[in-house]
Amino acid sequence: MNSMKQTEPIQKAGIPRSLLARSKAGHDKGQLYVIVGADADRYYGADGKSKTVARPKSKNKKHMQPIHFSWEELLPDLRSTGLRDEDVKYVLKQYQKADGNHFK
């Protein structure tokens, strides 16, 4: 049985599809995530490894720093395949290369 709460699709929640976020608090401070869902007070982020698209990390919005990084052009077939964990890892790697930052 899946105990994860249903989240509002990211586009309906008013969040840009290409949003990344960095954790500002908690044991995962500094970790980058691709935001895959949201509700009133939480973001749901995936890193493609331990936090997958199917089981994302739930994090209070005030503990996340949004990063506007346009990654949709990196994944031209996203509409037909849907977001996969491999895509998440690729996007995060490309962001780190572009930004020059190397986090977890």
C-alpha atoms as a PDB file:
ATOM      1  CA  MET A   1       0.000   0.000   0.000  1.00  0.00           C
ATOM      2  CA  ASN A   2       1.358   3.433  -0.908  1.00  0.00           C
ATOM      3  CA  SER A   3       1.219   5.744   2.103  1.00  0.00           C
ATOM      4  CA  MET A   4       2.571   8.769   0.220  1.00  0.00           C
ATOM      5  CA  LYS A   5       0.101  11.623   0.041  1.00  0.00           C
ATOM      6  CA  GLN A   6      -1.073  12.600  -3.458  1.00  0.00           C
ATOM      7  CA  THR A   7       0.522  15.851  -4.551  1.00  0.00           C
ATOM      8  CA  GLU A   8      -0.765  18.425  -6.926  1.00  0.00           C
ATOM      9  CA  PRO A   9       0.941  18.285 -10.323  1.00  0.00           C
ATOM     10  CA  ILE A  10       3.721  20.813 -10.402  1.00  0.00           C
ATOM     11  CA  GLN A  11       2.234  22.925 -13.211  1.00  0.00           C
ATOM     12  CA  LYS A  12      -1.113  23.306 -11.400  1.00  0.00           C
ATOM     13  CA  ALA A  13       0.711  24.324  -8.218  1.00  0.00           C
ATOM     14  CA  GLY A  14       2.080  27.398 -10.020  1.00  0.00           C
ATOM     15  CA  ILE A  15       5.670  26.160  -9.971  1.00  0.00           C
ATOM     16  CA  PRO A  16       7.824  26.332 -13.087  1.00  0.00           C
ATOM     17  CA  ARG A  17       8.456  22.851 -14.456  1.00  0.00           C
ATOM     18  CA  SER A  18      12.196  23.487 -14.618  1.00  0.00           C
ATOM     19  CA  LEU A  19      12.608  24.338 -10.932  1.00  0.00           C
ATOM     20  CA  LEU A  20      15.513  23.041  -8.911  1.00  0.00           C
ATOM     21  CA  ALA A  21      15.903  23.624  -5.193  1.00  0.00           C
ATOM     22  CA  ARG A  22      18.646  23.345  -2.601  1.00  0.00           C
ATOM     23  CA  SER A  23      17.922  22.220   0.931  1.00  0.00           C
ATOM     24  CA  LYS A  24      18.634  24.976   3.468  1.00  0.00           C
ATOM     25  CA  ALA A  25      18.086  22.924   6.624  1.00  0.00           C
ATOM     26  CA  GLY A  26      18.192  19.404   7.958  1.00  0.00           C
ATOM     27  CA  HIS A  27      20.568  16.504   7.514  1.00  0.00           C
ATOM     28  CA  ASP A  28      20.444  17.027   3.745  1.00  0.00           C
ATOM     29  CA  LYS A  29      21.476  20.718   3.891  1.00  0.00           C
ATOM     30  CA  GLY A  30      23.069  21.735   0.584  1.00  0.00           C
ATOM     31  CA  GLN A  31      21.520  18.842  -1.371  1.00  0.00           C
ATOM     32  CA  LEU A  32      20.117  19.709  -4.805  1.00  0.00           C
ATOM     33  CA  TYR A  33      16.733  18.404  -5.912  1.00  0.00           C
ATOM     34  CA  VAL A  34      14.563  18.582  -9.000  1.00  0.00           C
ATOM     35  CA  ILE A  35      11.124  19.595  -7.755  1.00  0.00           C
ATOM     36  CA  VAL A  36       8.621  16.991  -8.963  1.00  0.00           C
ATOM     37  CA  GLY A  37       5.564  18.066  -6.977  1.00  0.00           C
ATOM     38  CA  ALA A  38       4.189  20.465  -4.425  1.00  0.00           C
ATOM     39  CA  ASP A  39       1.284  21.134  -2.148  1.00  0.00           C
ATOM     40  CA  ALA A  40       0.333  24.110   0.026  1.00  0.00           C
ATOM     41  CA  ASP A  41       3.429  24.088   2.233  1.00  0.00           C
ATOM     42  CA  ARG A  42       5.753  21.373   0.894  1.00  0.00           C
ATOM     43  CA  TYR A  43       7.988  20.668  -2.079  1.00  0.00           C
ATOM     44  CA  TYR A  44       8.684  17.117  -3.239  1.00  0.00           C
ATOM     45  CA  GLY A  45      12.171  16.737  -4.657  1.00  0.00           C
ATOM     46  CA  ALA A  46      14.073  13.974  -6.392  1.00  0.00           C
ATOM     47  CA  ASP A  47      17.812  13.498  -6.745  1.00  0.00           C
ATOM     48  CA  GLY A  48      17.581  10.359  -8.892  1.00  0.00           C
ATOM     49  CA  LYS A  49      19.479   8.230  -6.354  1.00  0.00           C
ATOM     50  CA  SER A  50      18.070   7.810  -2.859  1.00  0.00           C
ATOM     51  CA  LYS A  51      15.120  10.130  -3.515  1.00  0.00           C
ATOM     52  CA  THR A  52      13.501   8.926  -6.696  1.00  0.00           C
ATOM     53  CA  VAL A  53      10.755  10.423  -8.857  1.00  0.00           C
ATOM     54  CA  ALA A  54       8.414   7.748  -7.501  1.00  0.00           C
ATOM     55  CA  ARG A  55       9.396   8.402  -3.843  1.00  0.00           C
ATOM     56  CA  PRO A  56      10.591  12.013  -3.587  1.00  0.00           C
ATOM     57  CA  LYS A  57      11.840  13.838  -0.508  1.00  0.00           C
ATOM     58  CA  SER A  58       9.102  15.841   1.222  1.00  0.00           C
ATOM     59  CA  LYS A  59      10.441  19.141   2.503  1.00  0.00           C
ATOM     60  CA  ASN A  60       8.879  22.261   3.997  1.00  0.00           C
ATOM     61  CA  LYS A  61       8.994  25.122   1.470  1.00  0.00           C
ATOM     62  CA  LYS A  62      10.722  27.423   3.935  1.00  0.00           C
ATOM     63  CA  HIS A  63      13.601  24.922   4.145  1.00  0.00           C
ATOM     64  CA  MET A  64      14.181  24.940   0.371  1.00  0.00           C
ATOM     65  CA  GLN A  65      15.926  27.571  -1.765  1.00  0.00           C
ATOM     66  CA  PRO A  66      14.380  27.609  -5.269  1.00  0.00           C
ATOM     67  CA  ILE A  67      16.815  27.752  -8.179  1.00  0.00           C
ATOM     68  CA  HIS A  68      15.455  28.753 -11.562  1.00  0.00           C
ATOM     69  CA  PHE A  69      17.484  26.729 -14.050  1.00  0.00           C
ATOM     70  CA  SER A  70      15.922  26.050 -17.432  1.00  0.00           C
ATOM     71  CA  TRP A  71      16.576  22.372 -18.052  1.00  0.00           C
ATOM     72  CA  GLU A  72      13.687  21.431 -20.326  1.00  0.00           C
ATOM     73  CA  GLU A  73      15.819  21.902 -23.437  1.00  0.00           C
ATOM     74  CA  LEU A  74      18.262  19.321 -22.028  1.00  0.00           C
ATOM     75  CA  LEU A  75      15.516  16.681 -22.241  1.00  0.00           C
ATOM     76  CA  PRO A  76      13.728  17.092 -25.589  1.00  0.00           C
ATOM     77  CA  ASP A  77      11.806  13.800 -25.294  1.00  0.00           C
ATOM     78  CA  LEU A  78      10.514  14.542 -21.780  1.00  0.00           C
ATOM     79  CA  ARG A  79       6.886  14.919 -22.892  1.00  0.00           C
ATOM     80  CA  SER A  80       6.785  11.451 -24.411  1.00  0.00           C
ATOM     81  CA  THR A  81       8.744   9.581 -21.733  1.00  0.00           C
ATOM     82  CA  GLY A  82       7.910  11.447 -18.531  1.00  0.00           C
ATOM     83  CA  LEU A  83      10.556  12.405 -15.980  1.00  0.00           C
ATOM     84  CA  ARG A  84      12.774   9.464 -15.031  1.00  0.00           C
ATOM     85  CA  ASP A  85      15.466   9.121 -12.363  1.00  0.00           C
ATOM     86  CA  GLU A  86      18.137   9.062 -15.080  1.00  0.00           C
ATOM     87  CA  ASP A  87      16.822  12.431 -16.298  1.00  0.00           C
ATOM     88  CA  VAL A  88      16.974  13.882 -12.794  1.00  0.00           C
ATOM     89  CA  LYS A  89      20.603  12.789 -12.359  1.00  0.00           C
ATOM     90  CA  TYR A  90      21.490  14.231 -15.771  1.00  0.00           C
ATOM     91  CA  VAL A  91      19.829  17.589 -15.033  1.00  0.00           C
ATOM     92  CA  LEU A  92      21.537  17.928 -11.646  1.00  0.00           C
ATOM     93  CA  LYS A  93      24.907  17.071 -13.186  1.00  0.00           C
ATOM     94  CA  GLN A  94      24.409  19.653 -15.952  1.00  0.00           C
ATOM     95  CA  TYR A  95      23.445  22.299 -13.393  1.00  0.00           C
ATOM     96  CA  GLN A  96      26.552  21.614 -11.341  1.00  0.00           C
ATOM     97  CA  LYS A  97      28.731  21.844 -14.454  1.00  0.00           C
ATOM     98  CA  ALA A  98      27.104  25.132 -15.523  1.00  0.00           C
ATOM     99  CA  ASP A  99      27.185  26.626 -12.043  1.00  0.00           C
ATOM    100  CA  GLY A 100      30.663  25.375 -11.148  1.00  0.00           C
ATOM    101  CA  ASN A 101      29.377  24.081  -7.811  1.00  0.00           C
ATOM    102  CA  HIS A 102      29.940  20.550  -6.609  1.00  0.00           C
ATOM    103  CA  PHE A 103      27.565  19.424  -3.896  1.00  0.00           C
ATOM    104  CA  LYS A 104      26.538  15.973  -2.650  1.00  0.00           C
END
